[in-house]
């Protein structure tokens, strides 16, 4: 039985290490990018940076090694290696052939500015006149939740018409959906897409934006401008408005995309103000792959008779449950579904695995269910896995059929040859038929011709 699949995501530093040297150097010119990178570093990396931040000399590597205990040499090597991959430190040779390390002048200046002040303002001052249509934190939180859930609704197959073509392309590029069989059919969620739904919102936004950055680069646009704006916004104040003056055309286009994703609120497309939401402010500081929901958010009760009770009025939660359940009743604040062989086989056809369904049940189990050990009844978990094994029993393979043999001996010769070279898929002595792989067809055919000529 396969284990629960995990999305192959990377953290902020992993993404930055994949950028070119020129791109990183241009990014570090902006103080907000430097402090964003710094605050996500491990403690030892931060310690090294702060020790040399106000030194303009090349530091001997032996001296840096002395800053850690002898039994932590591996941690030292990991820290130095990561700082070099991020182009924060560079190796240089000292007099006498000794090795030394020097901090990037660009990163050093950017981090000094971020910590001590000075330099250009990250934002232009907001207009002196107060916003007649100002929005409070409660409104911004609700707006961000609604906009992001539109994307999640599309992922589970509801509200298909509410997302743009760009969002559809990004979800497909990220492997979260597969296109429909025809232009008019609805895209289907993949196993990766279901795992995406199990992440917390901050991790979902990060994973989604990773593919946005890749799309920007593939179009030949400057990803540095996009990252600079996003890092700046991540240090803004929730509930405060900021002007759009001074943003480049690339950043203005990015602002409209963030508006669709719920990262910023802008009353109209041409408004001169925008409000960052919590999704954007938390962007660079919440790169966890997934998170367990609190007990109070659990809403599912699964019984041994295969009934599933969902005590929730969330349309998104109900749409996810309907991916693997046959829904029977929908009442205010509660719905009832039934786990059936047909509903689970449909989920498996869409790429969802048994372990993913069980993980979802555990994450969103009602607090009464959490008192049981195990949380999900063994009868249910075993049956769901057995239903998946039914599907995994059979595997289709393309092959070529040989069935016009003149004698049983000829059949045996071809069968044995195909088996010896590892291309035999099936043989039936009674019908004198042999099936070989498509790749082995050429070799078997040549052998048969040579055998018939003898």
Protein backbone atom coordinates (compact mmCIF):
# COMPACT_ATOMS: atom_id res chain seq x y z
CA UNK A 1 0.00 0.00 0.00
CA UNK A 2 1.44 3.32 -1.05
CA UNK A 3 2.13 6.04 1.44
CA UNK A 4 0.49 9.44 1.31
CA UNK A 5 1.93 11.45 -1.54
CA UNK A 6 3.61 14.75 -0.79
CA UNK A 7 3.88 17.73 -3.05
CA UNK A 8 7.43 18.41 -4.16
CA UNK A 9 7.55 21.99 -2.93
CA UNK A 10 10.57 24.07 -1.95
CA UNK A 11 11.01 26.79 0.63
CA UNK A 12 11.98 30.40 -0.03
CA UNK A 13 15.71 29.71 0.02
CA UNK A 14 15.36 26.72 -2.28
CA UNK A 15 13.56 28.93 -4.78
CA UNK A 16 16.14 31.71 -4.55
CA UNK A 17 19.03 29.27 -5.03
CA UNK A 18 17.53 28.36 -8.39
CA UNK A 19 17.75 31.98 -9.62
CA UNK A 20 20.68 33.23 -11.64
CA UNK A 21 23.54 35.14 -9.98
CA UNK A 22 22.54 38.38 -11.71
CA UNK A 23 18.91 38.02 -10.61
CA UNK A 24 19.92 37.48 -6.97
CA UNK A 25 22.28 40.44 -6.97
CA UNK A 26 19.56 42.71 -8.37
CA UNK A 27 17.07 41.37 -5.82
CA UNK A 28 19.38 42.10 -2.88
CA UNK A 29 19.51 45.78 -3.85
CA UNK A 30 16.08 46.06 -2.22
CA UNK A 31 16.30 46.05 1.63
CA UNK A 32 12.93 44.30 2.00
CA UNK A 33 14.25 41.29 0.07
CA UNK A 34 17.37 41.13 2.26
CA UNK A 35 15.45 41.17 5.53
CA UNK A 36 12.93 38.63 4.17
CA UNK A 37 15.76 36.25 3.28
CA UNK A 38 17.51 36.89 6.60
CA UNK A 39 14.51 36.18 8.84
CA UNK A 40 13.92 32.78 7.21
CA UNK A 41 17.51 31.60 7.77
CA UNK A 42 18.37 29.07 10.51
CA UNK A 43 19.70 30.49 13.79
CA UNK A 44 23.36 29.66 13.08
CA UNK A 45 23.23 31.34 9.65
CA UNK A 46 21.77 34.47 11.25
CA UNK A 47 24.47 34.39 13.91
CA UNK A 48 27.24 34.30 11.29
CA UNK A 49 25.71 37.16 9.31
CA UNK A 50 25.33 39.42 12.33
CA UNK A 51 28.92 38.74 13.42
CA UNK A 52 30.34 40.07 10.13
CA UNK A 53 27.60 42.46 8.97
CA UNK A 54 29.56 45.59 9.88
CA UNK A 55 32.96 44.26 8.86
CA UNK A 56 34.36 44.97 5.41
CA UNK A 57 37.20 42.49 5.68
CA UNK A 58 37.58 38.90 4.50
CA UNK A 59 37.08 36.66 7.56
CA UNK A 60 39.36 33.60 7.91
CA UNK A 61 37.32 30.40 7.74
CA UNK A 62 39.14 29.03 10.80
CA UNK A 63 37.94 32.01 12.82
CA UNK A 64 34.33 31.42 11.76
CA UNK A 65 34.64 27.73 12.64
CA UNK A 66 35.78 28.76 16.14
CA UNK A 67 32.38 30.42 16.69
CA UNK A 68 30.75 26.98 16.98
CA UNK A 69 31.43 24.06 19.29
CA UNK A 70 33.71 21.31 17.92
CA UNK A 71 30.89 18.75 17.88
CA UNK A 72 28.78 20.99 15.60
CA UNK A 73 31.11 21.03 12.60
CA UNK A 74 28.39 19.60 10.34
CA UNK A 75 26.04 22.45 11.28
CA UNK A 76 28.82 24.90 10.48
CA UNK A 77 29.38 23.39 7.04
CA UNK A 78 25.65 23.42 6.29
CA UNK A 79 25.37 27.08 7.29
CA UNK A 80 28.36 28.18 5.22
CA UNK A 81 27.16 26.12 2.25
CA UNK A 82 23.69 27.65 2.31
CA UNK A 83 25.01 31.20 2.61
CA UNK A 84 27.26 30.59 -0.38
CA UNK A 85 24.43 29.11 -2.47
CA UNK A 86 22.36 32.20 -1.68
CA UNK A 87 25.28 34.39 -2.81
CA UNK A 88 25.45 36.01 0.63
CA UNK A 89 28.99 34.74 1.26
CA UNK A 90 31.83 34.21 -1.19
CA UNK A 91 34.99 32.17 -0.72
CA UNK A 92 38.26 34.09 -1.10
CA UNK A 93 41.90 33.18 -0.59
CA UNK A 94 43.88 35.04 2.05
CA UNK A 95 47.60 35.77 2.15
CA UNK A 96 49.50 32.56 2.74
CA UNK A 97 46.93 30.38 0.98
CA UNK A 98 44.44 30.34 3.86
CA UNK A 99 40.73 30.20 3.05
CA UNK A 100 38.44 33.09 3.91
CA UNK A 101 34.83 34.20 3.47
CA UNK A 102 33.52 37.61 2.40
CA UNK A 103 29.94 38.86 2.59
CA UNK A 104 28.28 40.14 -0.58
CA UNK A 105 28.54 43.93 -0.67
CA UNK A 106 25.04 44.20 -2.17
CA UNK A 107 23.40 42.02 0.49
CA UNK A 108 25.42 43.68 3.27
CA UNK A 109 24.29 47.15 2.26
CA UNK A 110 20.67 46.05 1.83
CA UNK A 111 20.51 44.35 5.24
CA UNK A 112 22.23 47.28 6.96
CA UNK A 113 19.63 49.61 5.48
CA UNK A 114 16.78 47.34 6.54
CA UNK A 115 18.05 47.07 10.13
CA UNK A 116 19.43 50.57 10.71
CA UNK A 117 17.27 52.70 8.42
CA UNK A 118 18.25 55.05 5.64
CA UNK A 119 18.10 54.61 1.90
CA UNK A 120 14.99 55.02 -0.22
CA UNK A 121 11.55 54.51 1.27
CA UNK A 122 10.03 51.09 0.63
CA UNK A 123 6.69 52.81 0.05
CA UNK A 124 5.75 56.24 -1.11
CA UNK A 125 3.75 58.19 1.47
CA UNK A 126 0.02 57.56 1.31
CA UNK A 127 -2.11 60.45 0.05
CA UNK A 128 -2.89 62.90 2.86
CA UNK A 129 -6.64 62.64 2.27
CA UNK A 130 -8.19 59.66 4.08
CA UNK A 131 -9.78 56.96 1.97
CA UNK A 132 -13.54 57.49 1.73
CA UNK A 133 -13.91 53.75 1.13
CA UNK A 134 -11.48 52.55 3.79
CA UNK A 135 -11.59 48.89 4.79
CA UNK A 136 -10.97 47.41 8.24
CA UNK A 137 -9.10 44.23 9.12
CA UNK A 138 -12.28 42.17 9.46
CA UNK A 139 -13.32 43.04 5.91
CA UNK A 140 -9.83 42.32 4.52
CA UNK A 141 -9.69 38.91 6.21
CA UNK A 142 -13.09 37.97 4.83
CA UNK A 143 -12.21 39.27 1.37
CA UNK A 144 -8.95 37.31 1.25
CA UNK A 145 -10.72 34.13 2.40
CA UNK A 146 -13.47 34.47 -0.21
CA UNK A 147 -11.08 35.22 -3.09
CA UNK A 148 -8.75 32.34 -2.25
CA UNK A 149 -11.63 29.91 -1.76
CA UNK A 150 -12.82 30.70 -5.28
CA UNK A 151 -9.61 29.07 -6.54
CA UNK A 152 -10.11 26.11 -4.21
CA UNK A 153 -13.73 25.75 -5.36
CA UNK A 154 -12.52 25.57 -8.95
CA UNK A 155 -10.03 22.92 -7.89
CA UNK A 156 -12.80 20.66 -6.57
CA UNK A 157 -15.01 21.28 -9.59
CA UNK A 158 -17.45 23.96 -8.40
CA UNK A 159 -17.73 27.62 -9.48
CA UNK A 160 -15.78 26.84 -12.65
CA UNK A 161 -16.69 30.13 -14.35
CA UNK A 162 -15.36 32.36 -11.54
CA UNK A 163 -11.63 32.04 -12.26
CA UNK A 164 -9.55 33.51 -15.06
CA UNK A 165 -7.74 31.61 -17.77
CA UNK A 166 -4.44 32.54 -16.11
CA UNK A 167 -5.45 30.79 -12.86
CA UNK A 168 -6.51 27.68 -14.80
CA UNK A 169 -3.15 27.59 -16.60
CA UNK A 170 -1.24 28.00 -13.32
CA UNK A 171 -3.18 25.19 -11.63
CA UNK A 172 -2.51 22.94 -14.60
CA UNK A 173 1.15 23.98 -14.73
CA UNK A 174 1.45 23.08 -11.04
CA UNK A 175 -0.04 19.64 -11.71
CA UNK A 176 -3.05 20.27 -9.46
CA UNK A 177 -5.63 19.66 -12.21
CA UNK A 178 -5.75 17.79 -15.49
CA UNK A 179 -7.56 19.28 -18.49
CA UNK A 180 -10.91 17.83 -19.47
CA UNK A 181 -11.27 15.41 -22.35
CA UNK A 182 -12.96 18.13 -24.42
CA UNK A 183 -12.89 21.92 -24.44
CA UNK A 184 -16.29 22.08 -22.71
CA UNK A 185 -15.58 19.48 -20.01
CA UNK A 186 -14.52 20.39 -16.48
CA UNK A 187 -10.87 19.85 -15.43
CA UNK A 188 -10.35 17.10 -12.84
CA UNK A 189 -8.38 17.36 -9.61
CA UNK A 190 -5.19 15.27 -9.38
CA UNK A 191 -3.61 13.48 -6.42
CA UNK A 192 -1.31 16.49 -6.04
CA UNK A 193 -4.36 18.76 -6.10
CA UNK A 194 -6.00 16.83 -3.28
CA UNK A 195 -2.77 17.03 -1.26
CA UNK A 196 -2.79 20.78 -1.99
CA UNK A 197 -6.18 21.00 -0.26
CA UNK A 198 -4.67 19.40 2.85
CA UNK A 199 -2.15 22.25 3.23
CA UNK A 200 -2.80 25.32 5.36
CA UNK A 201 -3.67 28.49 3.45
CA UNK A 202 -0.25 30.13 3.74
CA UNK A 203 1.49 27.06 2.34
CA UNK A 204 -1.09 26.89 -0.47
CA UNK A 205 -0.39 30.49 -1.44
CA UNK A 206 3.36 29.90 -1.42
CA UNK A 207 3.09 26.77 -3.59
CA UNK A 208 0.78 28.55 -6.03
CA UNK A 209 3.01 31.62 -6.25
CA UNK A 210 6.07 29.48 -6.98
CA UNK A 211 4.51 28.53 -10.30
CA UNK A 212 3.45 32.12 -10.85
CA UNK A 213 7.11 33.17 -10.63
CA UNK A 214 8.10 30.41 -13.06
CA UNK A 215 5.40 31.58 -15.48
CA UNK A 216 6.70 35.15 -15.22
CA UNK A 217 10.21 33.99 -16.09
CA UNK A 218 9.00 31.88 -19.02
CA UNK A 219 7.31 34.98 -20.49
CA UNK A 220 10.58 36.92 -20.31
CA UNK A 221 9.32 39.34 -17.64
CA UNK A 222 11.51 40.59 -14.79
CA UNK A 223 10.80 38.39 -11.77
CA UNK A 224 12.92 40.72 -9.60
CA UNK A 225 10.32 43.50 -9.82
CA UNK A 226 7.59 41.06 -8.81
CA UNK A 227 9.57 39.71 -5.85
CA UNK A 228 10.57 43.20 -4.67
CA UNK A 229 6.94 44.29 -4.54
CA UNK A 230 5.82 41.10 -2.80
CA UNK A 231 8.59 41.27 -0.19
CA UNK A 232 7.77 44.93 0.46
CA UNK A 233 4.09 44.11 0.92
CA UNK A 234 5.00 41.32 3.37
CA UNK A 235 6.31 44.03 5.73
CA UNK A 236 3.27 46.28 5.39
CA UNK A 237 0.64 46.92 8.06
CA UNK A 238 -2.66 45.07 7.89
CA UNK A 239 -5.55 47.50 7.52
CA UNK A 240 -3.43 50.33 6.08
CA UNK A 241 -3.73 51.53 2.49
CA UNK A 242 -0.76 52.08 0.17
CA UNK A 243 -0.50 54.08 -3.07
CA UNK A 244 0.07 52.57 -6.50
CA UNK A 245 2.18 55.56 -7.59
CA UNK A 246 5.67 54.58 -8.64
CA UNK A 247 4.88 50.96 -9.50
CA UNK A 248 6.30 49.73 -12.81
CA UNK A 249 4.02 48.24 -15.51
CA UNK A 250 5.14 44.74 -14.50
CA UNK A 251 4.32 45.47 -10.85
CA UNK A 252 0.94 46.96 -11.79
CA UNK A 253 0.06 43.80 -13.70
CA UNK A 254 1.21 41.73 -10.73
CA UNK A 255 -0.95 43.86 -8.43
CA UNK A 256 -4.04 42.97 -10.50
CA UNK A 257 -3.15 39.28 -10.32
CA UNK A 258 -2.75 39.52 -6.53
CA UNK A 259 -6.12 41.22 -6.43
CA UNK A 260 -7.69 38.15 -8.05
CA UNK A 261 -5.92 35.76 -5.64
CA UNK A 262 -6.98 37.75 -2.56
CA UNK A 263 -3.47 38.95 -1.65
CA UNK A 264 -4.47 42.62 -1.96
CA UNK A 265 -7.75 44.50 -1.99
CA UNK A 266 -8.30 47.25 -4.54
CA UNK A 267 -11.79 48.69 -4.88
CA UNK A 268 -11.45 49.25 -8.61
CA UNK A 269 -8.80 48.26 -11.11
CA UNK A 270 -7.78 51.89 -11.60
CA UNK A 271 -7.89 52.86 -7.92
CA UNK A 272 -4.80 54.68 -6.65
CA UNK A 273 -4.79 52.77 -3.36
CA UNK A 274 -4.59 49.14 -2.37
CA UNK A 275 -4.80 47.25 0.92
CA UNK A 276 -2.52 44.24 1.52
CA UNK A 277 -4.35 41.29 3.08
CA UNK A 278 -3.05 38.77 5.56
CA UNK A 279 -2.25 36.33 2.74
CA UNK A 280 0.37 38.72 1.32
CA UNK A 281 1.72 39.84 4.68
CA UNK A 282 2.27 36.23 5.78
CA UNK A 283 3.69 35.23 2.41
CA UNK A 284 7.41 35.10 3.19
CA UNK A 285 7.05 33.78 6.74
CA UNK A 286 4.84 30.70 6.48
CA UNK A 287 6.36 28.13 4.18
CA UNK A 288 5.12 25.03 6.06
CA UNK A 289 4.04 22.17 3.81
CA UNK A 290 0.91 21.41 5.77
CA UNK A 291 -0.67 21.98 9.13
CA UNK A 292 -3.08 20.09 11.28
CA UNK A 293 -6.31 21.95 11.91
CA UNK A 294 -7.29 22.73 15.51
CA UNK A 295 -9.72 20.46 17.27
CA UNK A 296 -12.40 23.13 17.09
CA UNK A 297 -12.28 23.05 13.28
CA UNK A 298 -13.02 19.32 13.06
CA UNK A 299 -16.40 18.64 11.48
CA UNK A 300 -16.40 15.03 10.22
CA UNK A 301 -17.88 11.97 11.90
CA UNK A 302 -17.30 8.63 10.16
CA UNK A 303 -19.29 5.62 11.35
CA UNK A 304 -18.65 1.92 10.84
CA UNK A 305 -21.77 1.68 8.64
CA UNK A 306 -19.90 3.87 6.08
CA UNK A 307 -22.00 6.95 6.78
CA UNK A 308 -20.16 10.28 6.91
CA UNK A 309 -21.68 13.21 8.83
CA UNK A 310 -20.25 16.64 8.04
CA UNK A 311 -21.20 19.28 10.64
CA UNK A 312 -20.30 22.32 8.56
CA UNK A 313 -21.90 24.98 6.41
CA UNK A 314 -18.73 25.52 4.37
CA UNK A 315 -19.46 24.96 0.69
CA UNK A 316 -15.76 24.27 0.10
CA UNK A 317 -15.59 21.53 2.73
CA UNK A 318 -18.72 19.92 1.32
CA UNK A 319 -17.29 20.02 -2.20
CA UNK A 320 -14.14 18.22 -0.98
CA UNK A 321 -16.15 15.56 0.86
CA UNK A 322 -18.23 15.01 -2.28
CA UNK A 323 -15.04 14.03 -4.14
CA UNK A 324 -15.05 10.65 -2.37
CA UNK A 325 -18.55 10.37 -0.86
CA UNK A 326 -22.00 9.83 -2.31
CA UNK A 327 -23.93 12.75 -0.81
CA UNK A 328 -27.41 11.84 0.42
CA UNK A 329 -28.79 14.69 2.56
CA UNK A 330 -27.95 18.37 2.92
CA UNK A 331 -29.36 20.17 5.93
CA UNK A 332 -28.49 23.53 7.51
CA UNK A 333 -25.03 23.14 9.09
CA UNK A 334 -24.98 19.38 8.46
CA UNK A 335 -24.75 17.00 5.52
CA UNK A 336 -24.79 13.22 5.27
CA UNK A 337 -22.82 11.15 2.80
CA UNK A 338 -22.12 7.49 2.17
CA UNK A 339 -18.79 5.89 1.41
CA UNK A 340 -19.42 3.44 -1.42
CA UNK A 341 -17.27 1.37 -3.71
CA UNK A 342 -18.44 3.48 -6.66
CA UNK A 343 -17.70 6.83 -4.99
CA UNK A 344 -14.21 5.70 -3.97
CA UNK A 345 -13.44 4.22 -7.39
CA UNK A 346 -14.38 7.58 -8.93
CA UNK A 347 -11.97 9.29 -6.52
CA UNK A 348 -9.21 6.84 -7.45
CA UNK A 349 -9.84 7.50 -11.15
CA UNK A 350 -9.25 11.19 -10.45
CA UNK A 351 -5.85 10.39 -8.93
CA UNK A 352 -6.84 10.61 -5.25
CA UNK A 353 -5.28 7.89 -3.10
CA UNK A 354 -6.72 5.95 -0.16
CA UNK A 355 -4.13 7.39 2.23
CA UNK A 356 -5.05 10.93 1.19
CA UNK A 357 -8.73 10.33 1.93
CA UNK A 358 -7.85 8.85 5.34
CA UNK A 359 -5.53 11.77 6.09
CA UNK A 360 -8.34 14.21 5.28
CA UNK A 361 -10.68 12.33 7.63
CA UNK A 362 -8.10 12.50 10.42
CA UNK A 363 -7.34 16.20 9.88
CA UNK A 364 -10.98 17.24 9.96
CA UNK A 365 -12.28 14.66 12.44
CA UNK A 366 -14.84 15.95 14.91
CA UNK A 367 -13.58 16.37 18.47
CA UNK A 368 -15.71 13.39 19.56
CA UNK A 369 -13.98 11.18 16.97
CA UNK A 370 -10.55 12.35 18.15
CA UNK A 371 -11.22 10.67 21.49
CA UNK A 372 -11.03 7.29 19.74
CA UNK A 373 -7.79 5.50 18.94
CA UNK A 374 -7.49 5.12 16.02
CA UNK A 375 -9.47 8.15 15.01
CA UNK A 376 -10.96 6.57 11.87
CA UNK A 377 -12.61 3.16 12.51
CA UNK A 378 -10.37 0.31 11.26
CA UNK A 379 -13.32 -1.13 9.35
CA UNK A 380 -13.44 2.03 7.24
CA UNK A 381 -9.71 2.48 6.72
CA UNK A 382 -9.21 -1.19 5.77
CA UNK A 383 -12.11 -1.16 3.31
CA UNK A 384 -10.95 2.06 1.62
CA UNK A 385 -7.49 0.53 1.10
CA UNK A 386 -9.05 -2.69 -0.21
CA UNK A 387 -11.07 -0.70 -2.72
CA UNK A 388 -7.86 0.89 -3.92
CA UNK A 389 -6.18 -2.52 -4.21
CA UNK A 390 -9.04 -3.64 -6.45
CA UNK A 391 -8.10 -0.90 -8.87
CA UNK A 392 -4.37 -1.54 -8.57
CA UNK A 393 -4.74 -5.28 -9.30
CA UNK A 394 -4.96 -4.78 -13.04
CA UNK A 395 -2.49 -2.86 -15.15
CA UNK A 396 -2.85 -2.28 -18.87
CA UNK A 397 0.14 -2.61 -21.18
CA UNK A 398 0.45 -2.15 -24.92
CA UNK A 399 1.54 -5.32 -26.72
CA UNK A 400 1.62 -7.27 -29.98
CA UNK A 401 -0.24 -10.58 -30.48
CA UNK A 402 1.36 -13.61 -32.20
CA UNK A 403 -1.16 -16.41 -32.88
CA UNK A 404 -0.56 -17.93 -36.31
CA UNK A 405 1.84 -20.69 -35.38
CA UNK A 406 2.15 -23.76 -37.62
CA UNK A 407 2.84 -26.14 -34.73
CA UNK A 408 3.07 -26.38 -30.97
CA UNK A 409 6.87 -26.53 -31.24
CA UNK A 410 6.96 -23.22 -33.13
CA UNK A 411 4.77 -21.66 -30.44
CA UNK A 412 7.11 -22.89 -27.70
CA UNK A 413 10.21 -21.57 -29.46
CA UNK A 414 8.77 -18.05 -29.82
CA UNK A 415 7.36 -18.08 -26.30
CA UNK A 416 10.68 -19.18 -24.79
CA UNK A 417 12.63 -16.60 -26.79
CA UNK A 418 10.30 -13.77 -25.69
CA UNK A 419 10.58 -14.91 -22.10
CA UNK A 420 14.39 -15.10 -22.28
CA UNK A 421 14.72 -11.48 -23.48
CA UNK A 422 12.12 -10.25 -20.97
CA UNK A 423 9.39 -9.05 -23.36
CA UNK A 424 6.71 -11.74 -22.77
CA UNK A 425 3.42 -10.35 -21.44
CA UNK A 426 1.09 -13.35 -21.89
CA UNK A 427 1.00 -16.81 -23.43
CA UNK A 428 -1.78 -19.37 -23.94
CA UNK A 429 -0.62 -22.87 -24.98
CA UNK A 430 -4.19 -24.01 -25.71
CA UNK A 431 -4.75 -21.23 -28.25
CA UNK A 432 -1.09 -21.03 -29.24
CA UNK A 433 -1.00 -17.28 -28.68
CA UNK A 434 1.82 -15.08 -27.42
CA UNK A 435 1.67 -11.40 -26.46
CA UNK A 436 4.92 -9.41 -26.30
CA UNK A 437 5.65 -5.79 -25.44
CA UNK A 438 5.62 -3.17 -28.17
CA UNK A 439 9.30 -2.53 -27.57
CA UNK A 440 10.19 -6.21 -27.96
CA UNK A 441 8.06 -6.75 -31.07
CA UNK A 442 10.88 -5.93 -33.48
CA UNK A 443 13.31 -8.44 -31.92
CA UNK A 444 10.70 -11.23 -31.72
CA UNK A 445 9.62 -10.65 -35.33
CA UNK A 446 13.22 -10.83 -36.57
CA UNK A 447 13.80 -14.02 -34.59
CA UNK A 448 10.60 -15.59 -35.97
CA UNK A 449 11.57 -14.82 -39.56
CA UNK A 450 15.02 -16.32 -39.06
CA UNK A 451 13.50 -19.40 -37.41
CA UNK A 452 11.02 -19.97 -40.27
CA UNK A 453 13.84 -19.83 -42.85
CA UNK A 454 15.70 -22.70 -41.19
